PDB file of N, CA and C in Angstrom:
ATOM      1  N   MET A   1       1.041 -11.190 -14.769  1.00  0.00           N
ATOM      2  CA  MET A   1       1.485  -9.880 -15.195  1.00  0.00           C
ATOM      3  C   MET A   1       2.078  -9.995 -16.590  1.00  0.00           C
ATOM      4  N   ASN A   2       1.607  -9.142 -17.486  1.00  0.00           N
ATOM      5  CA  ASN A   2       2.162  -9.272 -18.894  1.00  0.00           C
ATOM      6  C   ASN A   2       3.514  -8.549 -19.027  1.00  0.00           C
ATOM      7  N   LYS A   3       4.204  -8.716 -20.119  1.00  0.00           N
ATOM      8  CA  LYS A   3       5.531  -8.150 -20.308  1.00  0.00           C
ATOM      9  C   LYS A   3       5.548  -6.651 -20.202  1.00  0.00           C
ATOM     10  N   THR A   4       4.552  -5.969 -20.746  1.00  0.00           N
ATOM     11  CA  THR A   4       4.497  -4.504 -20.678  1.00  0.00           C
ATOM     12  C   THR A   4       4.378  -4.030 -19.249  1.00  0.00           C
ATOM     13  N   THR A   5       3.440  -4.631 -18.500  1.00  0.00           N
ATOM     14  CA  THR A   5       3.273  -4.273 -17.116  1.00  0.00           C
ATOM     15  C   THR A   5       4.548  -4.546 -16.304  1.00  0.00           C
ATOM     16  N   ALA A   6       5.163  -5.692 -16.525  1.00  0.00           N
ATOM     17  CA  ALA A   6       6.380  -6.031 -15.787  1.00  0.00           C
ATOM     18  C   ALA A   6       7.499  -5.047 -16.112  1.00  0.00           C
ATOM     19  N   ALA A   7       7.602  -4.653 -17.371  1.00  0.00           N
ATOM     20  CA  ALA A   7       8.647  -3.668 -17.799  1.00  0.00           C
ATOM     21  C   ALA A   7       8.376  -2.332 -17.145  1.00  0.00           C
ATOM     22  N   ALA A   8       7.142  -1.877 -17.139  1.00  0.00           N
ATOM     23  CA  ALA A   8       6.782  -0.618 -16.494  1.00  0.00           C
ATOM     24  C   ALA A   8       7.104  -0.624 -15.012  1.00  0.00           C
ATOM     25  N   LYS A   9       6.735  -1.729 -14.361  1.00  0.00           N
ATOM     26  CA  LYS A   9       6.990  -1.847 -12.913  1.00  0.00           C
ATOM     27  C   LYS A   9       8.510  -1.809 -12.654  1.00  0.00           C
ATOM     28  N   SER A  10       9.276  -2.498 -13.482  1.00  0.00           N
ATOM     29  CA  SER A  10      10.738  -2.499 -13.331  1.00  0.00           C
ATOM     30  C   SER A  10      11.310  -1.074 -13.476  1.00  0.00           C
ATOM     31  N   MET A  11      10.853  -0.368 -14.476  1.00  0.00           N
ATOM     32  CA  MET A  11      11.313   1.009 -14.673  1.00  0.00           C
ATOM     33  C   MET A  11      10.995   1.922 -13.499  1.00  0.00           C
ATOM     34  N   ILE A  12       9.795   1.785 -12.970  1.00  0.00           N
ATOM     35  CA  ILE A  12       9.358   2.592 -11.830  1.00  0.00           C
ATOM     36  C   ILE A  12      10.221   2.250 -10.590  1.00  0.00           C
ATOM     37  N   GLU A  13      10.484   0.938 -10.386  1.00  0.00           N
ATOM     38  CA  GLU A  13      11.324   0.529  -9.272  1.00  0.00           C
ATOM     39  C   GLU A  13      12.739   1.063  -9.390  1.00  0.00           C
ATOM     40  N   GLN A  14      13.250   1.055 -10.629  1.00  0.00           N
ATOM     41  CA  GLN A  14      14.625   1.613 -10.874  1.00  0.00           C
ATOM     42  C   GLN A  14      14.641   3.124 -10.632  1.00  0.00           C
ATOM     43  N   ALA A  15      13.609   3.829 -11.104  1.00  0.00           N
ATOM     44  CA  ALA A  15      13.542   5.259 -10.924  1.00  0.00           C
ATOM     45  C   ALA A  15      13.473   5.635  -9.428  1.00  0.00           C
ATOM     46  N   ALA A  16      12.644   4.858  -8.687  1.00  0.00           N
ATOM     47  CA  ALA A  16      12.513   5.070  -7.249  1.00  0.00           C
ATOM     48  C   ALA A  16      13.845   4.891  -6.585  1.00  0.00           C
ATOM     49  N   ALA A  17      14.613   3.874  -6.933  1.00  0.00           N
ATOM     50  CA  ALA A  17      15.899   3.605  -6.353  1.00  0.00           C
ATOM     51  C   ALA A  17      16.854   4.736  -6.640  1.00  0.00           C
ATOM     52  N   GLU A  18      16.859   5.185  -7.880  1.00  0.00           N
ATOM     53  CA  GLU A  18      17.798   6.285  -8.297  1.00  0.00           C
ATOM     54  C   GLU A  18      17.407   7.629  -7.723  1.00  0.00           C
ATOM     55  N   LEU A  19      16.145   7.812  -7.351  1.00  0.00           N
ATOM     56  CA  LEU A  19      15.696   9.043  -6.728  1.00  0.00           C
ATOM     57  C   LEU A  19      15.910   9.070  -5.221  1.00  0.00           C
ATOM     58  N   GLY A  20      16.458   7.988  -4.700  1.00  0.00           N
ATOM     59  CA  GLY A  20      16.812   7.958  -3.252  1.00  0.00           C
ATOM     60  C   GLY A  20      16.135   6.868  -2.442  1.00  0.00           C
ATOM     61  N   GLY A  21      15.222   6.106  -3.105  1.00  0.00           N
ATOM     62  CA  GLY A  21      14.601   4.968  -2.427  1.00  0.00           C
ATOM     63  C   GLY A  21      13.860   5.351  -1.170  1.00  0.00           C
ATOM     64  N   THR A  22      13.939   4.430  -0.207  1.00  0.00           N
ATOM     65  CA  THR A  22      13.232   4.602   1.081  1.00  0.00           C
ATOM     66  C   THR A  22      13.652   5.872   1.787  1.00  0.00           C
ATOM     67  N   ALA A  23      14.907   6.162   1.898  1.00  0.00           N
ATOM     68  CA  ALA A  23      15.365   7.352   2.608  1.00  0.00           C
ATOM     69  C   ALA A  23      14.794   8.611   1.998  1.00  0.00           C
ATOM     70  N   ARG A  24      14.733   8.690   0.670  1.00  0.00           N
ATOM     71  CA  ARG A  24      14.177   9.901   0.041  1.00  0.00           C
ATOM     72  C   ARG A  24      12.681   9.993   0.266  1.00  0.00           C
ATOM     73  N   LEU A  25      11.980   8.861   0.227  1.00  0.00           N
ATOM     74  CA  LEU A  25      10.553   8.880   0.468  1.00  0.00           C
ATOM     75  C   LEU A  25      10.228   9.356   1.884  1.00  0.00           C
ATOM     76  N   VAL A  26      11.032   8.890   2.874  1.00  0.00           N
ATOM     77  CA  VAL A  26      10.801   9.342   4.237  1.00  0.00           C
ATOM     78  C   VAL A  26      11.127  10.800   4.369  1.00  0.00           C
ATOM     79  N   ALA A  27      12.210  11.262   3.724  1.00  0.00           N
ATOM     80  CA  ALA A  27      12.558  12.659   3.798  1.00  0.00           C
ATOM     81  C   ALA A  27      11.433  13.529   3.169  1.00  0.00           C
ATOM     82  N   TRP A  28      10.910  13.113   2.058  1.00  0.00           N
ATOM     83  CA  TRP A  28       9.812  13.838   1.410  1.00  0.00           C
ATOM     84  C   TRP A  28       8.602  13.849   2.309  1.00  0.00           C
ATOM     85  N   ALA A  29       8.238  12.760   2.926  1.00  0.00           N
ATOM     86  CA  ALA A  29       7.073  12.780   3.827  1.00  0.00           C
ATOM     87  C   ALA A  29       7.272  13.709   5.010  1.00  0.00           C
ATOM     88  N   ARG A  30       8.484  13.835   5.462  1.00  0.00           N
ATOM     89  CA  ARG A  30       8.757  14.688   6.608  1.00  0.00           C
ATOM     90  C   ARG A  30       8.928  16.167   6.247  1.00  0.00           C
ATOM     91  N   GLU A  31       9.049  16.461   4.974  1.00  0.00           N
ATOM     92  CA  GLU A  31       9.284  17.878   4.535  1.00  0.00           C
ATOM     93  C   GLU A  31       8.082  18.761   4.835  1.00  0.00           C
ATOM     94  N   ALA A  32       6.878  18.230   4.779  1.00  0.00           N
ATOM     95  CA  ALA A  32       5.682  19.038   5.005  1.00  0.00           C
ATOM     96  C   ALA A  32       4.535  18.168   5.438  1.00  0.00           C
ATOM     97  N   PRO A  33       3.660  18.664   6.288  1.00  0.00           N
ATOM     98  CA  PRO A  33       2.510  17.899   6.767  1.00  0.00           C
ATOM     99  C   PRO A  33       1.658  17.348   5.604  1.00  0.00           C
ATOM    100  N   GLU A  34       1.503  18.139   4.580  1.00  0.00           N
ATOM    101  CA  GLU A  34       0.659  17.652   3.416  1.00  0.00           C
ATOM    102  C   GLU A  34       1.316  16.470   2.722  1.00  0.00           C
ATOM    103  N   ASN A  35       2.658  16.425   2.732  1.00  0.00           N
ATOM    104  CA  ASN A  35       3.359  15.271   2.125  1.00  0.00           C
ATOM    105  C   ASN A  35       3.060  14.049   2.963  1.00  0.00           C
ATOM    106  N   GLU A  36       3.128  14.170   4.276  1.00  0.00           N
ATOM    107  CA  GLU A  36       2.894  12.989   5.136  1.00  0.00           C
ATOM    108  C   GLU A  36       1.427  12.523   4.933  1.00  0.00           C
ATOM    109  N   ARG A  37       0.483  13.494   4.867  1.00  0.00           N
ATOM    110  CA  ARG A  37      -0.920  13.102   4.643  1.00  0.00           C
ATOM    111  C   ARG A  37      -1.063  12.375   3.281  1.00  0.00           C
ATOM    112  N   ALA A  38      -0.364  12.880   2.246  1.00  0.00           N
ATOM    113  CA  ALA A  38      -0.395  12.230   0.958  1.00  0.00           C
ATOM    114  C   ALA A  38       0.144  10.828   1.022  1.00  0.00           C
ATOM    115  N   PHE A  39       1.224  10.637   1.815  1.00  0.00           N
ATOM    116  CA  PHE A  39       1.813   9.304   1.978  1.00  0.00           C
ATOM    117  C   PHE A  39       0.781   8.348   2.594  1.00  0.00           C
ATOM    118  N   TRP A  40       0.151   8.735   3.700  1.00  0.00           N
ATOM    119  CA  TRP A  40      -0.775   7.900   4.390  1.00  0.00           C
ATOM    120  C   TRP A  40      -2.053   7.691   3.639  1.00  0.00           C
ATOM    121  N   ALA A  41      -2.487   8.711   2.867  1.00  0.00           N
ATOM    122  CA  ALA A  41      -3.783   8.662   2.161  1.00  0.00           C
ATOM    123  C   ALA A  41      -3.676   7.979   0.760  1.00  0.00           C
ATOM    124  N   THR A  42      -2.513   8.102   0.114  1.00  0.00           N
ATOM    125  CA  THR A  42      -2.394   7.701  -1.256  1.00  0.00           C
ATOM    126  C   THR A  42      -1.356   6.567  -1.448  1.00  0.00           C
ATOM    127  N   VAL A  43      -0.199   6.699  -0.871  1.00  0.00           N
ATOM    128  CA  VAL A  43       0.863   5.707  -1.072  1.00  0.00           C
ATOM    129  C   VAL A  43       0.674   4.440  -0.273  1.00  0.00           C
ATOM    130  N   PHE A  44       0.554   4.624   1.034  1.00  0.00           N
ATOM    131  CA  PHE A  44       0.452   3.450   1.925  1.00  0.00           C
ATOM    132  C   PHE A  44      -0.749   2.541   1.619  1.00  0.00           C
ATOM    133  N   PRO A  45      -1.878   3.061   1.325  1.00  0.00           N
ATOM    134  CA  PRO A  45      -3.072   2.162   1.052  1.00  0.00           C
ATOM    135  C   PRO A  45      -2.839   1.234  -0.143  1.00  0.00           C
ATOM    136  N   LYS A  46      -1.938   1.566  -1.036  1.00  0.00           N
ATOM    137  CA  LYS A  46      -1.653   0.680  -2.181  1.00  0.00           C
ATOM    138  C   LYS A  46      -1.073  -0.642  -1.732  1.00  0.00           C
ATOM    139  N   LEU A  47      -0.549  -0.706  -0.470  1.00  0.00           N
ATOM    140  CA  LEU A  47       0.048  -1.952   0.053  1.00  0.00           C
ATOM    141  C   LEU A  47      -1.034  -2.817   0.715  1.00  0.00           C
ATOM    142  N   LEU A  48      -2.188  -2.254   0.996  1.00  0.00           N
ATOM    143  CA  LEU A  48      -3.222  -3.010   1.700  1.00  0.00           C
ATOM    144  C   LEU A  48      -4.012  -3.901   0.718  1.00  0.00           C
ATOM    145  N   PRO A  49      -4.447  -5.032   1.155  1.00  0.00           N
ATOM    146  CA  PRO A  49      -5.226  -5.925   0.273  1.00  0.00           C
ATOM    147  C   PRO A  49      -6.535  -5.257  -0.140  1.00  0.00           C
ATOM    148  N   LEU A  50      -6.945  -5.501  -1.342  1.00  0.00           N
ATOM    149  CA  LEU A  50      -8.199  -4.943  -1.835  1.00  0.00           C
ATOM    150  C   LEU A  50      -9.416  -5.584  -1.201  1.00  0.00           C
ATOM    151  N   GLN A  51      -9.231  -6.827  -0.786  1.00  0.00           N
ATOM    152  CA  GLN A  51     -10.359  -7.544  -0.179  1.00  0.00           C
ATOM    153  C   GLN A  51      -9.807  -8.302   1.001  1.00  0.00           C
ATOM    154  N   VAL A  52     -10.570  -8.256   2.119  1.00  0.00           N
ATOM    155  CA  VAL A  52     -10.183  -8.986   3.313  1.00  0.00           C
ATOM    156  C   VAL A  52     -11.158 -10.114   3.506  1.00  0.00           C
ATOM    157  N   ASN A  53     -10.645 -11.291   3.749  1.00  0.00           N
ATOM    158  CA  ASN A  53     -11.474 -12.469   3.913  1.00  0.00           C
ATOM    159  C   ASN A  53     -11.460 -12.920   5.376  1.00  0.00           C
ATOM    160  N   GLY A  54     -12.610 -13.313   5.816  1.00  0.00           N
ATOM    161  CA  GLY A  54     -12.763 -13.849   7.173  1.00  0.00           C
ATOM    162  C   GLY A  54     -12.505 -15.325   7.198  1.00  0.00           C
ATOM    163  N   PRO A  55     -12.576 -15.943   8.365  1.00  0.00           N
ATOM    164  CA  PRO A  55     -12.246 -17.404   8.489  1.00  0.00           C
ATOM    165  C   PRO A  55     -13.408 -18.311   8.094  1.00  0.00           C
ATOM    166  N   GLY A  56     -14.594 -17.731   7.860  1.00  0.00           N
ATOM    167  CA  GLY A  56     -15.750 -18.574   7.537  1.00  0.00           C
ATOM    168  C   GLY A  56     -15.717 -19.113   6.094  1.00  0.00           C
ATOM    169  N   GLU A  57     -16.770 -19.829   5.781  1.00  0.00           N
ATOM    170  CA  GLU A  57     -16.940 -20.410   4.449  1.00  0.00           C
ATOM    171  C   GLU A  57     -16.931 -19.290   3.408  1.00  0.00           C
ATOM    172  N   ASP A  58     -16.179 -19.514   2.354  1.00  0.00           N
ATOM    173  CA  ASP A  58     -16.067 -18.514   1.284  1.00  0.00           C
ATOM    174  C   ASP A  58     -15.569 -17.143   1.738  1.00  0.00           C
ATOM    175  N   GLY A  59     -14.793 -17.154   2.841  1.00  0.00           N
ATOM    176  CA  GLY A  59     -14.219 -15.913   3.348  1.00  0.00           C
ATOM    177  C   GLY A  59     -15.142 -15.059   4.164  1.00  0.00           C
ATOM    178  N   ALA A  60     -16.298 -15.641   4.566  1.00  0.00           N
ATOM    179  CA  ALA A  60     -17.267 -14.871   5.379  1.00  0.00           C
ATOM    180  C   ALA A  60     -16.674 -14.603   6.750  1.00  0.00           C
ATOM    181  N   PHE A  61     -17.111 -13.519   7.336  1.00  0.00           N
ATOM    182  CA  PHE A  61     -16.733 -13.177   8.705  1.00  0.00           C
ATOM    183  C   PHE A  61     -17.685 -13.896   9.639  1.00  0.00           C
ATOM    184  N   ILE A  62     -17.166 -14.380  10.749  1.00  0.00           N
ATOM    185  CA  ILE A  62     -17.943 -15.024  11.738  1.00  0.00           C
ATOM    186  C   ILE A  62     -18.111 -14.071  12.923  1.00  0.00           C
ATOM    187  N   MET A  63     -19.345 -13.764  13.237  1.00  0.00           N
ATOM    188  CA  MET A  63     -19.615 -12.792  14.310  1.00  0.00           C
ATOM    189  C   MET A  63     -20.436 -13.484  15.378  1.00  0.00           C
ATOM    190  N   SER A  64     -20.109 -13.232  16.617  1.00  0.00           N
ATOM    191  CA  SER A  64     -20.953 -13.738  17.693  1.00  0.00           C
ATOM    192  C   SER A  64     -21.256 -12.584  18.624  1.00  0.00           C
ATOM    193  N   PHE A  65     -22.414 -12.632  19.227  1.00  0.00           N
ATOM    194  CA  PHE A  65     -22.836 -11.564  20.146  1.00  0.00           C
ATOM    195  C   PHE A  65     -23.249 -12.231  21.464  1.00  0.00           C
ATOM    196  N   ARG A  66     -22.947 -11.513  22.492  1.00  0.00           N
ATOM    197  CA  ARG A  66     -23.253 -12.017  23.839  1.00  0.00           C
ATOM    198  C   ARG A  66     -23.956 -10.883  24.581  1.00  0.00           C
ATOM    199  N   PHE A  67     -25.172 -11.133  25.039  1.00  0.00           N
ATOM    200  CA  PHE A  67     -25.877 -10.155  25.824  1.00  0.00           C
ATOM    201  C   PHE A  67     -25.937 -10.597  27.253  1.00  0.00           C
ATOM    202  N   GLU A  68     -25.654  -9.692  28.162  1.00  0.00           N
ATOM    203  CA  GLU A  68     -25.739 -10.027  29.584  1.00  0.00           C
ATOM    204  C   GLU A  68     -26.689  -9.129  30.278  1.00  0.00           C
TER     205      GLU A  68
END
């Protein structure tokens, strides 16, 4: 992360804390159904990994099928 990106992230974190942090985010999400939808559709996915790797070679997924 370069200095500019780090500085911007720091400022955003500080602003979030001063705006009420976790408690305020939860309160906002509960204020209206569209806010909660926005949280789940826009905010929360930013925490998810962009790529998921499986246990196989080079991160491949291993699948097995059984027919009875």
